[in-house]
PDB file of N, CA and C in Angstrom:
ATOM      1  N   UNK A   1     -98.247 -11.497 -81.322  1.00  0.00           N
ATOM      2  CA  UNK A   1     -96.612 -11.925 -81.798  1.00  0.00           C
ATOM      3  C   UNK A   1     -97.299 -13.503 -82.062  1.00  0.00           C
ATOM      4  N   UNK A   2     -97.215 -14.411 -82.756  1.00  0.00           N
ATOM      5  CA  UNK A   2     -97.061 -15.709 -83.327  1.00  0.00           C
ATOM      6  C   UNK A   2     -96.174 -16.443 -82.142  1.00  0.00           C
ATOM      7  N   UNK A   3     -96.200 -17.352 -81.023  1.00  0.00           N
ATOM      8  CA  UNK A   3     -95.675 -18.276 -80.973  1.00  0.00           C
ATOM      9  C   UNK A   3     -95.178 -19.231 -81.606  1.00  0.00           C
ATOM     10  N   UNK A   4     -93.634 -20.048 -81.287  1.00  0.00           N
ATOM     11  CA  UNK A   4     -93.343 -20.514 -82.091  1.00  0.00           C
ATOM     12  C   UNK A   4     -93.117 -22.093 -80.903  1.00  0.00           C
ATOM     13  N   UNK A   5     -93.673 -22.839 -81.417  1.00  0.00           N
ATOM     14  CA  UNK A   5     -94.119 -24.377 -80.650  1.00  0.00           C
ATOM     15  C   UNK A   5     -93.565 -25.526 -81.692  1.00  0.00           C
ATOM     16  N   UNK A   6     -92.640 -26.127 -80.799  1.00  0.00           N
ATOM     17  CA  UNK A   6     -91.620 -27.164 -82.024  1.00  0.00           C
ATOM     18  C   UNK A   6     -92.150 -28.297 -81.621  1.00  0.00           C
ATOM     19  N   UNK A   7     -93.394 -28.825 -80.606  1.00  0.00           N
ATOM     20  CA  UNK A   7     -93.963 -30.103 -81.130  1.00  0.00           C
ATOM     21  C   UNK A   7     -95.996 -30.072 -80.290  1.00  0.00           C
ATOM     22  N   UNK A   8     -96.466 -30.695 -80.374  1.00  0.00           N
ATOM     23  CA  UNK A   8     -97.501 -30.831 -80.291  1.00  0.00           C
ATOM     24  C   UNK A   8     -97.778 -30.835 -78.134  1.00  0.00           C
ATOM     25  N   UNK A   9     -96.758 -31.458 -77.883  1.00  0.00           N
ATOM     26  CA  UNK A   9     -96.198 -31.486 -76.732  1.00  0.00           C
ATOM     27  C   UNK A   9     -96.186 -30.102 -75.989  1.00  0.00           C
ATOM     28  N   UNK A  10     -95.363 -29.173 -76.354  1.00  0.00           N
ATOM     29  CA  UNK A  10     -95.251 -27.973 -76.107  1.00  0.00           C
ATOM     30  C   UNK A  10     -96.651 -27.073 -76.491  1.00  0.00           C
ATOM     31  N   UNK A  11     -97.291 -27.342 -77.781  1.00  0.00           N
ATOM     32  CA  UNK A  11     -98.567 -26.532 -77.532  1.00  0.00           C
ATOM     33  C   UNK A  11     -99.642 -26.608 -76.812  1.00  0.00           C
ATOM     34  N   UNK A  12     -99.723 -28.182 -76.988  1.00  0.00           N
ATOM     35  CA  UNK A  12    -100.683 -28.403 -76.603  1.00  0.00           C
ATOM     36  C   UNK A  12    -101.759 -27.500 -74.746  1.00  0.00           C
ATOM     37  N   UNK A  13    -100.303 -27.594 -74.023  1.00  0.00           N
ATOM     38  CA  UNK A  13    -100.633 -26.902 -72.713  1.00  0.00           C
ATOM     39  C   UNK A  13    -101.321 -24.876 -73.264  1.00  0.00           C
ATOM     40  N   UNK A  14    -100.922 -24.595 -74.386  1.00  0.00           N
ATOM     41  CA  UNK A  14    -100.955 -22.960 -74.879  1.00  0.00           C
ATOM     42  C   UNK A  14    -102.934 -23.147 -75.502  1.00  0.00           C
ATOM     43  N   UNK A  15    -103.354 -24.068 -75.753  1.00  0.00           N
ATOM     44  CA  UNK A  15    -104.474 -24.777 -76.621  1.00  0.00           C
ATOM     45  C   UNK A  15    -105.320 -24.616 -75.375  1.00  0.00           C
ATOM     46  N   UNK A  16    -104.767 -25.090 -74.573  1.00  0.00           N
ATOM     47  CA  UNK A  16    -105.972 -25.553 -73.124  1.00  0.00           C
ATOM     48  C   UNK A  16    -105.946 -23.905 -72.909  1.00  0.00           C
ATOM     49  N   UNK A  17    -105.034 -23.772 -72.543  1.00  0.00           N
ATOM     50  CA  UNK A  17    -105.026 -21.689 -72.040  1.00  0.00           C
ATOM     51  C   UNK A  17    -106.268 -20.596 -72.957  1.00  0.00           C
ATOM     52  N   UNK A  18    -105.672 -21.120 -74.124  1.00  0.00           N
ATOM     53  CA  UNK A  18    -106.726 -20.332 -75.554  1.00  0.00           C
ATOM     54  C   UNK A  18    -108.619 -20.956 -75.244  1.00  0.00           C
ATOM     55  N   UNK A  19    -108.466 -22.600 -73.923  1.00  0.00           N
ATOM     56  CA  UNK A  19    -109.794 -22.534 -74.048  1.00  0.00           C
ATOM     57  C   UNK A  19    -110.652 -22.640 -72.904  1.00  0.00           C
ATOM     58  N   UNK A  20    -110.124 -22.214 -72.466  1.00  0.00           N
ATOM     59  CA  UNK A  20    -110.393 -22.135 -70.827  1.00  0.00           C
ATOM     60  C   UNK A  20    -111.307 -21.748 -70.215  1.00  0.00           C
ATOM     61  N   UNK A  21    -112.623 -21.496 -71.234  1.00  0.00           N
ATOM     62  CA  UNK A  21    -113.634 -20.705 -70.421  1.00  0.00           C
ATOM     63  C   UNK A  21    -114.795 -22.058 -70.437  1.00  0.00           C
ATOM     64  N   UNK A  22    -115.750 -22.329 -69.709  1.00  0.00           N
ATOM     65  CA  UNK A  22    -116.148 -23.833 -69.708  1.00  0.00           C
ATOM     66  C   UNK A  22    -117.161 -23.768 -71.035  1.00  0.00           C
ATOM     67  N   UNK A  23    -118.015 -22.553 -71.603  1.00  0.00           N
ATOM     68  CA  UNK A  23    -119.142 -22.738 -72.516  1.00  0.00           C
ATOM     69  C   UNK A  23    -118.596 -22.807 -73.914  1.00  0.00           C
ATOM     70  N   UNK A  24    -117.022 -22.310 -74.048  1.00  0.00           N
ATOM     71  CA  UNK A  24    -116.395 -22.719 -75.356  1.00  0.00           C
ATOM     72  C   UNK A  24    -115.687 -23.917 -75.557  1.00  0.00           C
ATOM     73  N   UNK A  25    -115.506 -24.609 -74.017  1.00  0.00           N
ATOM     74  CA  UNK A  25    -115.064 -26.274 -74.009  1.00  0.00           C
ATOM     75  C   UNK A  25    -116.504 -26.853 -75.199  1.00  0.00           C
ATOM     76  N   UNK A  26    -117.738 -25.963 -74.342  1.00  0.00           N
ATOM     77  CA  UNK A  26    -119.364 -27.523 -74.223  1.00  0.00           C
ATOM     78  C   UNK A  26    -119.528 -26.952 -75.749  1.00  0.00           C
ATOM     79  N   UNK A  27    -118.916 -25.753 -76.315  1.00  0.00           N
ATOM     80  CA  UNK A  27    -119.183 -26.394 -77.661  1.00  0.00           C
ATOM     81  C   UNK A  27    -118.553 -26.603 -78.151  1.00  0.00           C
ATOM     82  N   UNK A  28    -116.852 -26.810 -78.118  1.00  0.00           N
ATOM     83  CA  UNK A  28    -116.498 -27.543 -78.908  1.00  0.00           C
ATOM     84  C   UNK A  28    -116.820 -28.979 -78.802  1.00  0.00           C
ATOM     85  N   UNK A  29    -116.943 -29.676 -77.674  1.00  0.00           N
ATOM     86  CA  UNK A  29    -117.914 -30.314 -78.003  1.00  0.00           C
ATOM     87  C   UNK A  29    -118.803 -31.305 -78.822  1.00  0.00           C
ATOM     88  N   UNK A  30    -119.895 -30.278 -78.299  1.00  0.00           N
ATOM     89  CA  UNK A  30    -120.622 -30.273 -79.474  1.00  0.00           C
ATOM     90  C   UNK A  30    -120.436 -29.984 -80.921  1.00  0.00           C
ATOM     91  N   UNK A  31    -119.664 -29.242 -81.580  1.00  0.00           N
ATOM     92  CA  UNK A  31    -119.107 -29.665 -82.543  1.00  0.00           C
ATOM     93  C   UNK A  31    -118.619 -31.162 -83.130  1.00  0.00           C
ATOM     94  N   UNK A  32    -117.606 -31.516 -82.213  1.00  0.00           N
ATOM     95  CA  UNK A  32    -117.105 -32.344 -82.234  1.00  0.00           C
ATOM     96  C   UNK A  32    -117.996 -33.549 -82.449  1.00  0.00           C
ATOM     97  N   UNK A  33    -118.753 -33.748 -81.595  1.00  0.00           N
ATOM     98  CA  UNK A  33    -119.641 -34.709 -81.561  1.00  0.00           C
ATOM     99  C   UNK A  33    -120.393 -34.879 -82.593  1.00  0.00           C
ATOM    100  N   UNK A  34    -120.958 -33.663 -83.335  1.00  0.00           N
ATOM    101  CA  UNK A  34    -121.767 -33.571 -84.538  1.00  0.00           C
ATOM    102  C   UNK A  34    -121.304 -34.112 -85.407  1.00  0.00           C
ATOM    103  N   UNK A  35    -119.772 -33.475 -85.606  1.00  0.00           N
ATOM    104  CA  UNK A  35    -119.056 -33.965 -87.117  1.00  0.00           C
ATOM    105  C   UNK A  35    -118.660 -35.769 -86.852  1.00  0.00           C
ATOM    106  N   UNK A  36    -118.705 -36.639 -86.221  1.00  0.00           N
ATOM    107  CA  UNK A  36    -118.592 -37.529 -85.392  1.00  0.00           C
ATOM    108  C   UNK A  36    -119.799 -38.071 -86.401  1.00  0.00           C
ATOM    109  N   UNK A  37    -121.047 -37.583 -85.644  1.00  0.00           N
ATOM    110  CA  UNK A  37    -122.676 -37.943 -86.095  1.00  0.00           C
ATOM    111  C   UNK A  37    -122.621 -37.474 -87.454  1.00  0.00           C
ATOM    112  N   UNK A  38    -122.489 -36.435 -88.429  1.00  0.00           N
ATOM    113  CA  UNK A  38    -122.358 -36.144 -89.943  1.00  0.00           C
ATOM    114  C   UNK A  38    -121.779 -37.490 -89.893  1.00  0.00           C
ATOM    115  N   UNK A  39    -121.002 -37.535 -90.040  1.00  0.00           N
ATOM    116  CA  UNK A  39    -119.628 -38.148 -90.941  1.00  0.00           C
ATOM    117  C   UNK A  39    -119.884 -39.760 -90.798  1.00  0.00           C
ATOM    118  N   UNK A  40    -120.132 -40.070 -89.460  1.00  0.00           N
ATOM    119  CA  UNK A  40    -121.189 -41.605 -89.315  1.00  0.00           C
ATOM    120  C   UNK A  40    -122.115 -41.299 -90.282  1.00  0.00           C
ATOM    121  N   UNK A  41    -123.241 -40.400 -90.506  1.00  0.00           N
ATOM    122  CA  UNK A  41    -124.571 -40.728 -91.030  1.00  0.00           C
ATOM    123  C   UNK A  41    -124.012 -41.025 -92.499  1.00  0.00           C
ATOM    124  N   UNK A  42    -123.286 -39.958 -92.931  1.00  0.00           N
ATOM    125  CA  UNK A  42    -123.045 -39.955 -94.426  1.00  0.00           C
ATOM    126  C   UNK A  42    -122.681 -41.538 -95.080  1.00  0.00           C
ATOM    127  N   UNK A  43    -121.493 -42.266 -94.203  1.00  0.00           N
ATOM    128  CA  UNK A  43    -120.973 -43.733 -94.725  1.00  0.00           C
ATOM    129  C   UNK A  43    -122.346 -44.240 -94.747  1.00  0.00           C
ATOM    130  N   UNK A  44    -122.804 -44.473 -93.040  1.00  0.00           N
ATOM    131  CA  UNK A  44    -123.519 -45.465 -92.876  1.00  0.00           C
ATOM    132  C   UNK A  44    -124.640 -45.262 -93.995  1.00  0.00           C
ATOM    133  N   UNK A  45    -125.040 -44.488 -94.530  1.00  0.00           N
ATOM    134  CA  UNK A  45    -126.245 -43.966 -95.817  1.00  0.00           C
ATOM    135  C   UNK A  45    -126.031 -43.817 -97.422  1.00  0.00           C
ATOM    136  N   UNK A  46    -124.663 -43.541 -96.726  1.00  0.00           N
ATOM    137  CA  UNK A  46    -123.806 -43.237 -98.562  1.00  0.00           C
ATOM    138  C   UNK A  46    -124.174 -42.191 -99.116  1.00  0.00           C
ATOM    139  N   UNK A  47    -124.436 -41.057 -98.477  1.00  0.00           N
ATOM    140  CA  UNK A  47    -125.157 -39.850 -98.581  1.00  0.00           C
ATOM    141  C   UNK A  47    -124.124 -39.109 -97.906  1.00  0.00           C
ATOM    142  N   UNK A  48    -122.719 -39.347 -99.215  1.00  0.00           N
ATOM    143  CA  UNK A  48    -121.485 -38.354 -99.413  1.00  0.00           C
ATOM    144  C   UNK A  48    -121.863 -36.840 -99.419  1.00  0.00           C
ATOM    145  N   UNK A  49    -123.182 -36.775 -99.218  1.00  0.00           N
ATOM    146  CA  UNK A  49    -122.743 -35.243 -99.775  1.00  0.00           C
ATOM    147  C   UNK A  49    -123.533 -34.546 -98.483  1.00  0.00           C
ATOM    148  N   UNK A  50    -123.549 -35.151 -97.243  1.00  0.00           N
ATOM    149  CA  UNK A  50    -123.644 -34.270 -96.110  1.00  0.00           C
ATOM    150  C   UNK A  50    -122.159 -33.845 -95.335  1.00  0.00           C
ATOM    151  N   UNK A  51    -121.162 -34.627 -95.932  1.00  0.00           N
ATOM    152  CA  UNK A  51    -120.141 -34.878 -95.450  1.00  0.00           C
ATOM    153  C   UNK A  51    -119.587 -33.409 -95.554  1.00  0.00           C
ATOM    154  N   UNK A  52    -120.048 -32.465 -96.251  1.00  0.00           N
ATOM    155  CA  UNK A  52    -119.836 -30.984 -96.855  1.00  0.00           C
ATOM    156  C   UNK A  52    -119.905 -30.175 -95.172  1.00  0.00           C
ATOM    157  N   UNK A  53    -121.563 -30.884 -94.194  1.00  0.00           N
ATOM    158  CA  UNK A  53    -121.210 -30.422 -93.665  1.00  0.00           C
ATOM    159  C   UNK A  53    -120.758 -30.571 -91.946  1.00  0.00           C
ATOM    160  N   UNK A  54    -120.010 -31.388 -92.002  1.00  0.00           N
ATOM    161  CA  UNK A  54    -118.793 -31.697 -91.174  1.00  0.00           C
ATOM    162  C   UNK A  54    -117.697 -30.581 -90.887  1.00  0.00           C
ATOM    163  N   UNK A  55    -117.311 -29.490 -91.814  1.00  0.00           N
ATOM    164  CA  UNK A  55    -116.872 -28.732 -91.270  1.00  0.00           C
ATOM    165  C   UNK A  55    -117.186 -27.815 -90.680  1.00  0.00           C
ATOM    166  N   UNK A  56    -118.378 -27.140 -91.173  1.00  0.00           N
ATOM    167  CA  UNK A  56    -119.716 -26.005 -90.448  1.00  0.00           C
ATOM    168  C   UNK A  56    -119.818 -26.956 -88.722  1.00  0.00           C
ATOM    169  N   UNK A  57    -119.728 -27.583 -88.737  1.00  0.00           N
ATOM    170  CA  UNK A  57    -120.677 -28.156 -87.494  1.00  0.00           C
ATOM    171  C   UNK A  57    -118.957 -27.519 -85.952  1.00  0.00           C
ATOM    172  N   UNK A  58    -118.367 -28.596 -86.966  1.00  0.00           N
ATOM    173  CA  UNK A  58    -117.094 -28.473 -86.274  1.00  0.00           C
ATOM    174  C   UNK A  58    -116.551 -27.520 -85.783  1.00  0.00           C
ATOM    175  N   UNK A  59    -116.622 -26.140 -87.345  1.00  0.00           N
ATOM    176  CA  UNK A  59    -115.974 -24.835 -87.089  1.00  0.00           C
ATOM    177  C   UNK A  59    -117.234 -24.009 -86.452  1.00  0.00           C
ATOM    178  N   UNK A  60    -118.418 -24.126 -86.360  1.00  0.00           N
ATOM    179  CA  UNK A  60    -119.038 -22.941 -86.464  1.00  0.00           C
ATOM    180  C   UNK A  60    -119.185 -23.325 -84.613  1.00  0.00           C
ATOM    181  N   UNK A  61    -119.897 -24.453 -84.319  1.00  0.00           N
ATOM    182  CA  UNK A  61    -119.755 -24.308 -82.353  1.00  0.00           C
ATOM    183  C   UNK A  61    -118.468 -23.827 -82.223  1.00  0.00           C
ATOM    184  N   UNK A  62    -116.965 -24.095 -82.508  1.00  0.00           N
ATOM    185  CA  UNK A  62    -116.064 -23.688 -81.810  1.00  0.00           C
ATOM    186  C   UNK A  62    -115.852 -22.315 -82.015  1.00  0.00           C
ATOM    187  N   UNK A  63    -115.870 -22.066 -83.276  1.00  0.00           N
ATOM    188  CA  UNK A  63    -115.713 -20.417 -83.046  1.00  0.00           C
ATOM    189  C   UNK A  63    -117.040 -19.546 -82.873  1.00  0.00           C
ATOM    190  N   UNK A  64    -118.392 -19.981 -82.732  1.00  0.00           N
ATOM    191  CA  UNK A  64    -119.120 -19.283 -81.643  1.00  0.00           C
ATOM    192  C   UNK A  64    -118.952 -19.265 -79.748  1.00  0.00           C
ATOM    193  N   UNK A  65    -117.701 -20.313 -79.706  1.00  0.00           N
ATOM    194  CA  UNK A  65    -117.094 -19.859 -78.203  1.00  0.00           C
ATOM    195  C   UNK A  65    -116.280 -19.021 -78.525  1.00  0.00           C
ATOM    196  N   UNK A  66    -115.329 -18.952 -79.254  1.00  0.00           N
ATOM    197  CA  UNK A  66    -114.336 -18.355 -78.899  1.00  0.00           C
ATOM    198  C   UNK A  66    -114.284 -16.891 -79.455  1.00  0.00           C
ATOM    199  N   UNK A  67    -115.958 -16.802 -79.938  1.00  0.00           N
ATOM    200  CA  UNK A  67    -115.904 -15.369 -80.304  1.00  0.00           C
ATOM    201  C   UNK A  67    -116.771 -14.537 -78.747  1.00  0.00           C
ATOM    202  N   UNK A  68    -117.567 -15.341 -79.393  1.00  0.00           N
ATOM    203  CA  UNK A  68    -118.418 -14.920 -78.218  1.00  0.00           C
ATOM    204  C   UNK A  68    -118.383 -15.676 -76.902  1.00  0.00           C
ATOM    205  N   UNK A  69    -117.882 -16.239 -76.164  1.00  0.00           N
ATOM    206  CA  UNK A  69    -117.477 -16.589 -74.845  1.00  0.00           C
ATOM    207  C   UNK A  69    -116.342 -16.156 -74.073  1.00  0.00           C
ATOM    208  N   UNK A  70    -115.543 -16.993 -75.107  1.00  0.00           N
ATOM    209  CA  UNK A  70    -113.314 -17.468 -74.662  1.00  0.00           C
ATOM    210  C   UNK A  70    -113.040 -15.533 -75.022  1.00  0.00           C
ATOM    211  N   UNK A  71    -113.735 -15.583 -75.167  1.00  0.00           N
ATOM    212  CA  UNK A  71    -112.874 -13.774 -76.805  1.00  0.00           C
ATOM    213  C   UNK A  71    -111.778 -13.421 -76.977  1.00  0.00           C
ATOM    214  N   UNK A  72    -111.993 -14.692 -77.569  1.00  0.00           N
ATOM    215  CA  UNK A  72    -110.250 -14.768 -78.266  1.00  0.00           C
ATOM    216  C   UNK A  72    -110.407 -15.084 -79.925  1.00  0.00           C
ATOM    217  N   UNK A  73    -109.162 -15.289 -80.722  1.00  0.00           N
ATOM    218  CA  UNK A  73    -109.724 -16.220 -81.623  1.00  0.00           C
ATOM    219  C   UNK A  73    -108.794 -16.908 -81.308  1.00  0.00           C
ATOM    220  N   UNK A  74    -109.616 -17.988 -82.317  1.00  0.00           N
ATOM    221  CA  UNK A  74    -109.006 -19.681 -82.416  1.00  0.00           C
ATOM    222  C   UNK A  74    -107.420 -20.164 -82.963  1.00  0.00           C
ATOM    223  N   UNK A  75    -107.395 -20.675 -82.291  1.00  0.00           N
ATOM    224  CA  UNK A  75    -106.169 -21.124 -82.777  1.00  0.00           C
ATOM    225  C   UNK A  75    -105.943 -21.905 -83.853  1.00  0.00           C
ATOM    226  N   UNK A  76    -107.229 -22.073 -84.871  1.00  0.00           N
ATOM    227  CA  UNK A  76    -107.125 -22.712 -85.577  1.00  0.00           C
ATOM    228  C   UNK A  76    -106.484 -21.900 -87.054  1.00  0.00           C
ATOM    229  N   UNK A  77    -106.302 -20.342 -86.398  1.00  0.00           N
ATOM    230  CA  UNK A  77    -106.143 -19.320 -87.183  1.00  0.00           C
ATOM    231  C   UNK A  77    -104.084 -18.779 -87.624  1.00  0.00           C
ATOM    232  N   UNK A  78    -103.531 -19.828 -86.277  1.00  0.00           N
ATOM    233  CA  UNK A  78    -102.422 -19.636 -86.361  1.00  0.00           C
ATOM    234  C   UNK A  78    -101.684 -21.046 -86.226  1.00  0.00           C
ATOM    235  N   UNK A  79    -102.343 -21.737 -85.746  1.00  0.00           N
ATOM    236  CA  UNK A  79    -102.015 -23.490 -85.214  1.00  0.00           C
ATOM    237  C   UNK A  79    -103.114 -24.212 -86.054  1.00  0.00           C
ATOM    238  N   UNK A  80    -103.110 -24.378 -86.876  1.00  0.00           N
ATOM    239  CA  UNK A  80    -103.961 -25.174 -87.762  1.00  0.00           C
ATOM    240  C   UNK A  80    -104.089 -26.772 -87.179  1.00  0.00           C
ATOM    241  N   UNK A  81    -102.624 -27.183 -87.896  1.00  0.00           N
ATOM    242  CA  UNK A  81    -102.691 -28.590 -87.530  1.00  0.00           C
ATOM    243  C   UNK A  81    -102.184 -29.242 -85.991  1.00  0.00           C
ATOM    244  N   UNK A  82    -101.739 -27.994 -84.941  1.00  0.00           N
ATOM    245  CA  UNK A  82    -101.356 -28.573 -83.447  1.00  0.00           C
ATOM    246  C   UNK A  82    -102.810 -28.134 -83.317  1.00  0.00           C
ATOM    247  N   UNK A  83    -103.824 -27.103 -83.325  1.00  0.00           N
ATOM    248  CA  UNK A  83    -105.158 -27.131 -82.883  1.00  0.00           C
ATOM    249  C   UNK A  83    -105.854 -27.833 -83.306  1.00  0.00           C
ATOM    250  N   UNK A  84    -106.011 -28.496 -84.449  1.00  0.00           N
ATOM    251  CA  UNK A  84    -106.847 -29.577 -85.168  1.00  0.00           C
ATOM    252  C   UNK A  84    -106.434 -31.168 -84.215  1.00  0.00           C
ATOM    253  N   UNK A  85    -105.222 -31.472 -83.981  1.00  0.00           N
ATOM    254  CA  UNK A  85    -105.297 -31.928 -82.564  1.00  0.00           C
ATOM    255  C   UNK A  85    -105.431 -31.752 -81.738  1.00  0.00           C
ATOM    256  N   UNK A  86    -105.423 -30.533 -81.105  1.00  0.00           N
ATOM    257  CA  UNK A  86    -105.499 -30.641 -79.919  1.00  0.00           C
ATOM    258  C   UNK A  86    -107.704 -30.417 -79.421  1.00  0.00           C
ATOM    259  N   UNK A  87    -108.092 -30.146 -80.493  1.00  0.00           N
ATOM    260  CA  UNK A  87    -109.820 -30.789 -80.283  1.00  0.00           C
ATOM    261  C   UNK A  87    -109.675 -31.686 -80.128  1.00  0.00           C
ATOM    262  N   UNK A  88    -108.892 -33.226 -81.038  1.00  0.00           N
ATOM    263  CA  UNK A  88    -109.885 -34.227 -80.527  1.00  0.00           C
ATOM    264  C   UNK A  88    -108.999 -34.506 -79.662  1.00  0.00           C
ATOM    265  N   UNK A  89    -108.159 -34.341 -79.199  1.00  0.00           N
ATOM    266  CA  UNK A  89    -106.927 -35.063 -77.733  1.00  0.00           C
ATOM    267  C   UNK A  89    -108.233 -34.554 -76.669  1.00  0.00           C
ATOM    268  N   UNK A  90    -108.378 -33.120 -76.570  1.00  0.00           N
ATOM    269  CA  UNK A  90    -109.711 -32.264 -75.753  1.00  0.00           C
ATOM    270  C   UNK A  90    -110.292 -33.003 -75.469  1.00  0.00           C
ATOM    271  N   UNK A  91    -111.310 -33.277 -76.551  1.00  0.00           N
ATOM    272  CA  UNK A  91    -112.929 -34.137 -76.920  1.00  0.00           C
ATOM    273  C   UNK A  91    -112.313 -34.956 -76.077  1.00  0.00           C
ATOM    274  N   UNK A  92    -111.555 -35.618 -75.958  1.00  0.00           N
ATOM    275  CA  UNK A  92    -111.256 -37.391 -75.994  1.00  0.00           C
ATOM    276  C   UNK A  92    -110.549 -37.027 -74.577  1.00  0.00           C
ATOM    277  N   UNK A  93    -110.936 -36.080 -73.787  1.00  0.00           N
ATOM    278  CA  UNK A  93    -110.403 -36.677 -72.584  1.00  0.00           C
ATOM    279  C   UNK A  93    -111.602 -35.741 -71.813  1.00  0.00           C
ATOM    280  N   UNK A  94    -112.237 -35.008 -72.203  1.00  0.00           N
ATOM    281  CA  UNK A  94    -113.270 -34.115 -71.589  1.00  0.00           C
ATOM    282  C   UNK A  94    -114.707 -35.727 -72.085  1.00  0.00           C
ATOM    283  N   UNK A  95    -114.203 -36.870 -73.235  1.00  0.00           N
ATOM    284  CA  UNK A  95    -115.074 -37.376 -73.149  1.00  0.00           C
ATOM    285  C   UNK A  95    -114.782 -38.999 -72.026  1.00  0.00           C
ATOM    286  N   UNK A  96    -113.780 -38.855 -72.032  1.00  0.00           N
ATOM    287  CA  UNK A  96    -113.309 -40.263 -70.390  1.00  0.00           C
ATOM    288  C   UNK A  96    -113.523 -39.196 -69.075  1.00  0.00           C
ATOM    289  N   UNK A  97    -114.310 -37.775 -69.091  1.00  0.00           N
ATOM    290  CA  UNK A  97    -114.375 -37.351 -68.171  1.00  0.00           C
ATOM    291  C   UNK A  97    -112.744 -36.904 -67.171  1.00  0.00           C
ATOM    292  N   UNK A  98    -111.882 -36.912 -68.388  1.00  0.00           N
ATOM    293  CA  UNK A  98    -110.242 -36.589 -67.663  1.00  0.00           C
ATOM    294  C   UNK A  98    -110.231 -34.901 -67.070  1.00  0.00           C
ATOM    295  N   UNK A  99    -110.864 -34.178 -68.506  1.00  0.00           N
ATOM    296  CA  UNK A  99    -111.037 -32.322 -68.321  1.00  0.00           C
ATOM    297  C   UNK A  99    -112.614 -32.402 -68.258  1.00  0.00           C
ATOM    298  N   UNK A 100    -112.860 -31.546 -67.609  1.00  0.00           N
ATOM    299  CA  UNK A 100    -114.583 -30.667 -67.797  1.00  0.00           C
ATOM    300  C   UNK A 100    -114.299 -29.753 -69.136  1.00  0.00           C
TER     301      UNK A 100
END
């Protein structure tokens, strides 16, 4: 059953619960880093066709983490906007060593 959230602040603890496995989080981190690298490369070199790889990098690594390590369905399927926001917040927290 889909839980209703009224704010991202309310959603984020749920998002973190859905990402409790360290391998899943590391795969999210790798995928998000690749997204940034692909976007940066595409813009810097004006080879915009590579931008199409960004979602594949981001979602590909994340979904492997969910299906094979976390053993759950990605939050993106139920809460696409909040999940997208959660990925960037979790990424920043991991980048700044606030979260493992």
